[in-house]
Amino acid sequence: MLELFSGGFGFLVLLVGIFLFMSLKILNEYERGVVFRLGRVIGAKGPGLIVLIPIIDKMQRVDLRTITLDVPPQDVICKDNVTIKVNAVVYFRVVDPNRSVIEVENYLLATSKLAQTTLRSVLGQVELDELLSERDVINRKLQEILDHQTESWGVKVINVEVKQIDLPVEMQRAMARQAEAERERRAKIIAAEGELQASQKLAEAALVMEKSPVTMQLRYLQTIREMSAEKTTHTIIPLPMDFLGGLMKHFNKT
């Protein structure tokens, strides 16, 4: 009789231990537990120690930390009929654990699929030049659309970034030729502006020399000095025309 009592007591202790193990749950600071009691949601619990009624209560953990979701490369046809391959990254987190469990079966998978379709839809409405030059505007537009559609799931989309844009080889070559032509155009414009400024300064200098003939003589002497400083065996010294005219008149008189 004593052995039967001790065996029954041991079984009871084991059963109580199993029930306690099933009823006690520990949630981290960044976790919440959505508790279902007989199939009905009674609320989100946590963090810390959670006590559940075995068999009656069931709990589903939800992570509240920011999740980084890589959107796989998508084939997109831009508004100007250019086919590109684009991938992106989405940053989001759960703000309502109850809705993230009740309103959608798998919020991670649903957000990923929604990001893929939204990426193709939005980029298909813009031209390639706009996509390359106004990426910040497109990122904000993607974030607003995704955040609006995932709000009913208890998910908050924090940011969306278009990571990489892969262009066809033919388009890369065409853009390289366009960039080279643009650089040549700018170089010619800069050279022409330099010539214009130089001609204006020369015209101003000519006016000054016309008003003051002494400046012409000083410039003449400076030129001779610069020529004599060069390491050459021959030096040609130009003479002013008025000086040569005076010599010619002297020889004609003689």
Protein backbone atom coordinates (compact mmCIF):
# COMPACT_ATOMS: atom_id res chain seq x y z
CA MET A 1 0.00 0.00 0.00
CA LEU A 2 2.83 2.35 0.87
CA GLU A 3 4.60 1.56 -2.38
CA LEU A 4 1.41 2.24 -4.33
CA PHE A 5 0.97 5.59 -2.52
CA SER A 6 4.57 6.61 -3.14
CA GLY A 7 4.29 5.66 -6.80
CA GLY A 8 1.09 7.67 -7.21
CA PHE A 9 2.62 10.67 -5.43
CA GLY A 10 5.67 10.57 -7.71
CA PHE A 11 3.43 10.44 -10.78
CA LEU A 12 1.46 13.40 -9.45
CA VAL A 13 4.63 15.41 -8.87
CA LEU A 14 5.79 14.61 -12.41
CA LEU A 15 2.44 15.64 -13.83
CA VAL A 16 2.50 18.92 -11.91
CA GLY A 17 6.03 19.59 -13.14
CA ILE A 18 4.98 19.03 -16.75
CA PHE A 19 2.03 21.36 -16.34
CA LEU A 20 4.24 24.02 -14.77
CA PHE A 21 6.73 23.67 -17.61
CA MET A 22 3.95 24.12 -20.13
CA SER A 23 2.37 27.06 -18.34
CA LEU A 24 5.48 29.19 -17.69
CA LYS A 25 7.03 31.16 -20.57
CA ILE A 26 9.80 33.76 -20.50
CA LEU A 27 9.80 36.58 -23.06
CA ASN A 28 12.74 38.85 -23.79
CA GLU A 29 12.49 42.63 -23.71
CA TYR A 30 12.07 42.82 -27.50
CA GLU A 31 9.41 40.06 -27.61
CA ARG A 32 5.68 39.95 -27.05
CA GLY A 33 3.45 36.91 -26.75
CA VAL A 34 0.02 36.91 -28.37
CA VAL A 35 -2.07 34.59 -26.18
CA PHE A 36 -5.02 32.60 -27.53
CA ARG A 37 -7.45 31.15 -24.97
CA LEU A 38 -9.70 28.52 -26.51
CA GLY A 39 -9.04 30.12 -29.89
CA ARG A 40 -9.79 33.70 -28.87
CA VAL A 41 -7.13 36.38 -28.47
CA ILE A 42 -6.90 37.73 -24.94
CA GLY A 43 -4.06 40.14 -25.68
CA ALA A 44 -0.31 40.52 -26.04
CA LYS A 45 1.76 39.66 -22.97
CA GLY A 46 5.31 40.36 -21.96
CA PRO A 47 8.11 40.91 -21.54
CA GLY A 48 9.17 38.75 -18.60
CA LEU A 49 7.50 35.69 -17.06
CA ILE A 50 4.16 34.68 -18.59
CA VAL A 51 1.80 32.16 -16.98
CA LEU A 52 -0.41 30.16 -19.34
CA ILE A 53 -3.17 27.66 -18.64
CA PRO A 54 -1.99 24.35 -20.09
CA ILE A 55 -3.99 22.98 -23.01
CA ILE A 56 -6.36 25.98 -22.85
CA ASP A 57 -3.87 28.77 -23.67
CA LYS A 58 -1.55 28.95 -26.65
CA MET A 59 1.04 31.68 -27.26
CA GLN A 60 2.73 32.96 -30.41
CA ARG A 61 5.94 34.97 -30.09
CA VAL A 62 6.34 38.22 -32.02
CA ASP A 63 9.67 40.03 -32.44
CA LEU A 64 9.42 43.83 -32.12
CA ARG A 65 12.92 44.62 -33.37
CA THR A 66 13.56 46.32 -36.72
CA ILE A 67 13.80 43.73 -39.48
CA THR A 68 16.02 44.15 -42.53
CA LEU A 69 14.41 42.57 -45.57
CA ASP A 70 16.35 42.15 -48.81
CA VAL A 71 14.11 42.39 -51.86
CA PRO A 72 15.52 40.05 -54.54
CA PRO A 73 16.40 41.54 -57.97
CA GLN A 74 13.34 42.38 -60.02
CA ASP A 75 13.10 42.79 -63.80
CA VAL A 76 11.51 46.18 -64.41
CA ILE A 77 10.53 47.92 -67.65
CA CYS A 78 10.81 51.68 -67.17
CA LYS A 79 8.44 54.21 -68.65
CA ASP A 80 10.84 54.80 -71.57
CA ASN A 81 10.89 51.02 -72.36
CA VAL A 82 14.32 50.31 -70.86
CA THR A 83 14.61 46.90 -69.17
CA ILE A 84 16.60 47.00 -65.94
CA LYS A 85 17.18 44.74 -62.94
CA VAL A 86 16.69 46.39 -59.54
CA ASN A 87 16.96 45.18 -55.96
CA ALA A 88 16.16 46.98 -52.72
CA VAL A 89 16.18 46.69 -48.95
CA VAL A 90 13.21 47.35 -46.65
CA TYR A 91 13.43 48.24 -42.94
CA PHE A 92 10.28 47.56 -40.91
CA ARG A 93 9.09 46.45 -37.48
CA VAL A 94 5.93 45.23 -35.76
CA VAL A 95 4.09 47.89 -33.80
CA ASP A 96 0.90 45.92 -33.05
CA PRO A 97 1.58 42.25 -32.19
CA ASN A 98 -2.11 41.33 -32.14
CA ARG A 99 -2.80 42.52 -35.69
CA SER A 100 0.46 41.04 -37.00
CA VAL A 101 -0.83 37.62 -35.97
CA ILE A 102 -4.55 37.98 -36.65
CA GLU A 103 -4.68 40.05 -39.85
CA VAL A 104 -2.02 38.21 -41.88
CA GLU A 105 -0.80 34.62 -41.89
CA ASN A 106 2.92 35.45 -42.20
CA TYR A 107 3.77 39.14 -42.05
CA LEU A 108 7.40 38.53 -43.10
CA LEU A 109 6.42 36.73 -46.29
CA ALA A 110 3.55 39.13 -46.99
CA THR A 111 5.78 42.20 -46.61
CA SER A 112 8.41 40.65 -48.88
CA LYS A 113 5.92 39.87 -51.66
CA LEU A 114 4.29 43.28 -51.33
CA ALA A 115 7.69 45.00 -51.58
CA GLN A 116 8.50 43.10 -54.78
CA THR A 117 5.24 44.00 -56.54
CA THR A 118 5.37 47.62 -55.34
CA LEU A 119 8.96 47.98 -56.56
CA ARG A 120 8.02 46.82 -60.05
CA SER A 121 4.90 48.97 -60.12
CA VAL A 122 6.52 52.23 -58.99
CA LEU A 123 9.68 51.94 -61.09
CA GLY A 124 7.61 51.06 -64.14
CA GLN A 125 6.03 54.54 -63.94
CA VAL A 126 9.29 56.53 -64.09
CA GLU A 127 11.92 57.03 -66.77
CA LEU A 128 15.47 55.76 -66.41
CA ASP A 129 16.98 59.24 -66.05
CA GLU A 130 14.53 60.04 -63.26
CA LEU A 131 15.35 56.78 -61.51
CA LEU A 132 19.08 57.50 -61.62
CA SER A 133 18.88 61.17 -60.62
CA GLU A 134 15.97 61.21 -58.14
CA ARG A 135 16.46 58.01 -56.17
CA ASP A 136 15.64 59.69 -52.85
CA VAL A 137 12.23 60.74 -54.11
CA ILE A 138 11.49 57.22 -55.34
CA ASN A 139 12.64 55.73 -52.02
CA ARG A 140 10.23 57.96 -50.12
CA LYS A 141 7.39 57.06 -52.49
CA LEU A 142 8.05 53.34 -52.02
CA GLN A 143 8.16 53.77 -48.24
CA GLU A 144 4.85 55.65 -48.17
CA ILE A 145 3.07 53.06 -50.32
CA LEU A 146 4.36 50.08 -48.34
CA ASP A 147 3.67 51.73 -44.99
CA HIS A 148 0.10 52.54 -46.00
CA GLN A 149 -0.62 48.97 -47.13
CA THR A 150 1.03 47.22 -44.15
CA GLU A 151 -0.57 49.46 -41.54
CA SER A 152 -3.55 47.10 -41.23
CA TRP A 153 -1.12 44.27 -40.42
CA GLY A 154 0.38 46.14 -37.47
CA VAL A 155 3.64 46.62 -39.39
CA LYS A 156 5.48 49.95 -39.71
CA VAL A 157 7.76 50.40 -42.73
CA ILE A 158 10.58 52.68 -41.61
CA ASN A 159 12.65 53.05 -44.76
CA VAL A 160 13.09 51.67 -48.27
CA GLU A 161 16.34 51.93 -50.22
CA VAL A 162 16.92 50.99 -53.85
CA LYS A 163 20.30 49.28 -53.62
CA GLN A 164 21.51 48.50 -57.14
CA ILE A 165 20.37 49.17 -60.69
CA ASP A 166 21.77 46.86 -63.36
CA LEU A 167 21.56 48.27 -66.89
CA PRO A 168 21.87 46.35 -70.17
CA VAL A 169 25.33 46.39 -71.76
CA GLU A 170 24.07 48.38 -74.75
CA MET A 171 22.59 51.01 -72.46
CA GLN A 172 25.82 51.26 -70.46
CA ARG A 173 27.78 51.88 -73.67
CA ALA A 174 25.28 54.48 -74.85
CA MET A 175 25.42 56.29 -71.51
CA ALA A 176 29.24 56.21 -71.60
CA ARG A 177 29.22 57.80 -75.07
CA GLN A 178 26.70 60.39 -73.90
CA ALA A 179 28.82 61.24 -70.86
CA GLU A 180 31.94 61.57 -73.01
CA ALA A 181 30.13 63.86 -75.46
CA GLU A 182 28.88 65.95 -72.54
CA ARG A 183 32.42 66.31 -71.17
CA GLU A 184 33.71 67.37 -74.60
CA ARG A 185 30.91 69.92 -74.90
CA ARG A 186 31.74 71.41 -71.51
CA ALA A 187 35.46 71.52 -72.37
CA LYS A 188 34.74 73.42 -75.61
CA ILE A 189 32.46 75.86 -73.80
CA ILE A 190 35.11 76.51 -71.15
CA ALA A 191 37.79 77.02 -73.83
CA ALA A 192 35.53 79.42 -75.76
CA GLU A 193 34.78 81.38 -72.59
CA GLY A 194 38.51 81.59 -71.92
CA GLU A 195 39.18 82.90 -75.42
CA LEU A 196 36.40 85.47 -75.01
CA GLN A 197 37.78 86.70 -71.70
CA ALA A 198 41.32 86.83 -73.13
CA SER A 199 40.17 88.85 -76.16
CA GLN A 200 38.33 91.28 -73.89
CA LYS A 201 41.44 91.80 -71.78
CA LEU A 202 43.56 92.30 -74.92
CA ALA A 203 41.10 94.88 -76.20
CA GLU A 204 41.27 96.72 -72.88
CA ALA A 205 45.08 96.60 -72.96
CA ALA A 206 45.12 97.96 -76.52
CA LEU A 207 42.98 100.92 -75.46
CA VAL A 208 45.34 101.68 -72.57
CA MET A 209 48.41 101.48 -74.84
CA GLU A 210 46.71 103.70 -77.41
CA LYS A 211 46.16 106.41 -74.82
CA SER A 212 49.69 106.11 -73.37
CA PRO A 213 52.42 105.30 -75.94
CA VAL A 214 54.96 104.90 -73.13
CA THR A 215 53.30 101.63 -72.13
CA MET A 216 53.99 100.27 -75.62
CA GLN A 217 57.70 101.02 -75.24
CA LEU A 218 57.77 99.41 -71.79
CA ARG A 219 56.08 96.34 -73.20
CA TYR A 220 58.62 96.28 -76.02
CA LEU A 221 61.53 96.36 -73.57
CA GLN A 222 59.98 93.65 -71.45
CA THR A 223 59.59 91.41 -74.50
CA ILE A 224 63.24 91.88 -75.43
CA ARG A 225 64.28 91.01 -71.88
CA GLU A 226 62.22 87.83 -71.93
CA MET A 227 63.71 86.80 -75.26
CA SER A 228 67.27 87.40 -74.04
CA ALA A 229 66.63 85.16 -71.03
CA GLU A 230 66.01 82.16 -73.28
CA LYS A 231 68.95 79.81 -73.95
CA THR A 232 69.19 80.40 -77.69
CA THR A 233 72.09 81.13 -80.04
CA HIS A 234 70.17 83.69 -82.08
CA THR A 235 68.04 86.56 -80.88
CA ILE A 236 65.78 88.51 -83.20
CA ILE A 237 65.03 92.04 -82.00
CA PRO A 238 61.99 93.62 -83.64
CA LEU A 239 62.21 97.34 -84.38
CA PRO A 240 59.26 99.70 -84.26
CA MET A 241 57.93 100.88 -87.62
CA ASP A 242 58.28 104.57 -86.71
CA PHE A 243 61.96 104.01 -85.95
CA LEU A 244 62.50 102.33 -89.34
CA GLY A 245 60.58 105.14 -91.04
CA GLY A 246 62.95 107.72 -89.52
CA LEU A 247 66.00 105.81 -90.76
CA MET A 248 64.59 105.54 -94.28
CA LYS A 249 63.95 109.30 -94.40
CA HIS A 250 67.56 109.96 -93.25
CA PHE A 251 69.05 107.76 -95.97
CA ASN A 252 66.86 109.33 -98.64
CA LYS A 253 68.14 112.80 -97.74
CA THR A 254 71.72 111.69 -98.01
